Amino acid sequence: MEILPYFMKHRNVWSNYDEEADCLYFHFKRPNNADHTEMTDDDIIIRYENDEIIGLTILNASKR
């Protein structure tokens, strides 16, 4: 629920799913050039650019 504000803040959210890797990607900005990433305890990778969240990667997406 903590990530919901990032979805609502942006007019456009791009997503794609990699079936082979079982990863779901969300991009809040294009182009997005992350300068820092963080892995949460629940296998979500948060991508930052200048301390602003610009994307998420959800690992093992089909099992959620």
C-alpha atoms as a PDB file:
ATOM      1  CA  MET A   1       0.000   0.000   0.000  1.00  0.00           C
ATOM      2  CA  GLU A   2       2.951   2.323   0.501  1.00  0.00           C
ATOM      3  CA  ILE A   3       3.638   2.386  -3.242  1.00  0.00           C
ATOM      4  CA  LEU A   4       0.091   3.366  -4.220  1.00  0.00           C
ATOM      5  CA  PRO A   5       0.822   7.121  -3.989  1.00  0.00           C
ATOM      6  CA  TYR A   6       3.517   6.741  -6.667  1.00  0.00           C
ATOM      7  CA  PHE A   7       0.999   5.230  -9.073  1.00  0.00           C
ATOM      8  CA  MET A   8      -1.495   8.006  -8.394  1.00  0.00           C
ATOM      9  CA  LYS A   9       1.111  10.779  -8.611  1.00  0.00           C
ATOM     10  CA  HIS A  10       2.078  10.032 -12.219  1.00  0.00           C
ATOM     11  CA  ARG A  11      -0.146  10.555 -15.228  1.00  0.00           C
ATOM     12  CA  ASN A  12       1.495   7.687 -17.088  1.00  0.00           C
ATOM     13  CA  VAL A  13       2.726   4.391 -15.736  1.00  0.00           C
ATOM     14  CA  TRP A  14       4.330   1.926 -18.107  1.00  0.00           C
ATOM     15  CA  SER A  15       4.533  -1.747 -17.286  1.00  0.00           C
ATOM     16  CA  ASN A  16       5.800  -4.926 -18.830  1.00  0.00           C
ATOM     17  CA  TYR A  17       6.070  -8.515 -17.725  1.00  0.00           C
ATOM     18  CA  ASP A  18       8.986 -10.831 -18.472  1.00  0.00           C
ATOM     19  CA  GLU A  19       7.492 -14.317 -18.346  1.00  0.00           C
ATOM     20  CA  GLU A  20      10.847 -16.110 -18.472  1.00  0.00           C
ATOM     21  CA  ALA A  21      12.262 -14.114 -15.537  1.00  0.00           C
ATOM     22  CA  ASP A  22       8.829 -13.860 -13.846  1.00  0.00           C
ATOM     23  CA  CYS A  23       9.382 -10.152 -13.241  1.00  0.00           C
ATOM     24  CA  LEU A  24       6.853  -7.354 -13.471  1.00  0.00           C
ATOM     25  CA  TYR A  25       8.305  -3.927 -14.218  1.00  0.00           C
ATOM     26  CA  PHE A  26       6.669  -0.554 -13.562  1.00  0.00           C
ATOM     27  CA  HIS A  27       8.163   2.680 -14.898  1.00  0.00           C
ATOM     28  CA  PHE A  28       6.963   6.077 -13.698  1.00  0.00           C
ATOM     29  CA  LYS A  29       9.246   8.087 -15.965  1.00  0.00           C
ATOM     30  CA  ARG A  30      10.642   7.692 -19.465  1.00  0.00           C
ATOM     31  CA  PRO A  31      13.468   7.522 -20.059  1.00  0.00           C
ATOM     32  CA  ASN A  32      14.349   6.235 -16.652  1.00  0.00           C
ATOM     33  CA  ASN A  33      17.970   6.186 -15.600  1.00  0.00           C
ATOM     34  CA  ALA A  34      18.255   4.894 -12.068  1.00  0.00           C
ATOM     35  CA  ASP A  35      21.187   6.051 -10.011  1.00  0.00           C
ATOM     36  CA  HIS A  36      20.283   3.959  -6.953  1.00  0.00           C
ATOM     37  CA  THR A  37      18.252   0.812  -6.230  1.00  0.00           C
ATOM     38  CA  GLU A  38      16.926  -0.777  -3.087  1.00  0.00           C
ATOM     39  CA  MET A  39      15.630  -4.322  -2.497  1.00  0.00           C
ATOM     40  CA  THR A  40      12.783  -4.666  -0.020  1.00  0.00           C
ATOM     41  CA  ASP A  41      12.167  -7.659   2.245  1.00  0.00           C
ATOM     42  CA  ASP A  42       9.342  -8.808  -0.057  1.00  0.00           C
ATOM     43  CA  ASP A  43      11.474  -9.008  -3.244  1.00  0.00           C
ATOM     44  CA  ILE A  44      10.562  -5.666  -4.767  1.00  0.00           C
ATOM     45  CA  ILE A  45      13.341  -3.618  -6.301  1.00  0.00           C
ATOM     46  CA  ILE A  46      12.777   0.126  -6.049  1.00  0.00           C
ATOM     47  CA  ARG A  47      14.635   2.268  -8.597  1.00  0.00           C
ATOM     48  CA  TYR A  48      15.545   5.869  -7.780  1.00  0.00           C
ATOM     49  CA  GLU A  49      16.768   8.857  -9.741  1.00  0.00           C
ATOM     50  CA  ASN A  50      17.838  11.839  -7.622  1.00  0.00           C
ATOM     51  CA  ASP A  51      16.044  10.333  -4.584  1.00  0.00           C
ATOM     52  CA  GLU A  52      12.731  10.105  -6.505  1.00  0.00           C
ATOM     53  CA  ILE A  53      11.179   6.699  -7.157  1.00  0.00           C
ATOM     54  CA  ILE A  54      11.105   6.172 -10.906  1.00  0.00           C
ATOM     55  CA  GLY A  55      10.310   2.452 -11.099  1.00  0.00           C
ATOM     56  CA  LEU A  56       9.614  -0.849  -9.426  1.00  0.00           C
ATOM     57  CA  THR A  57      10.528  -4.418 -10.268  1.00  0.00           C
ATOM     58  CA  ILE A  58       8.426  -7.136  -8.677  1.00  0.00           C
ATOM     59  CA  LEU A  59      10.283 -10.447  -8.556  1.00  0.00           C
ATOM     60  CA  ASN A  60       8.398 -13.775  -8.659  1.00  0.00           C
ATOM     61  CA  ALA A  61       5.345 -11.844  -9.830  1.00  0.00           C
ATOM     62  CA  SER A  62       3.229 -14.854 -10.825  1.00  0.00           C
ATOM     63  CA  LYS A  63       3.446 -16.277  -7.310  1.00  0.00           C
ATOM     64  CA  ARG A  64       1.877 -13.196  -5.687  1.00  0.00           C
END
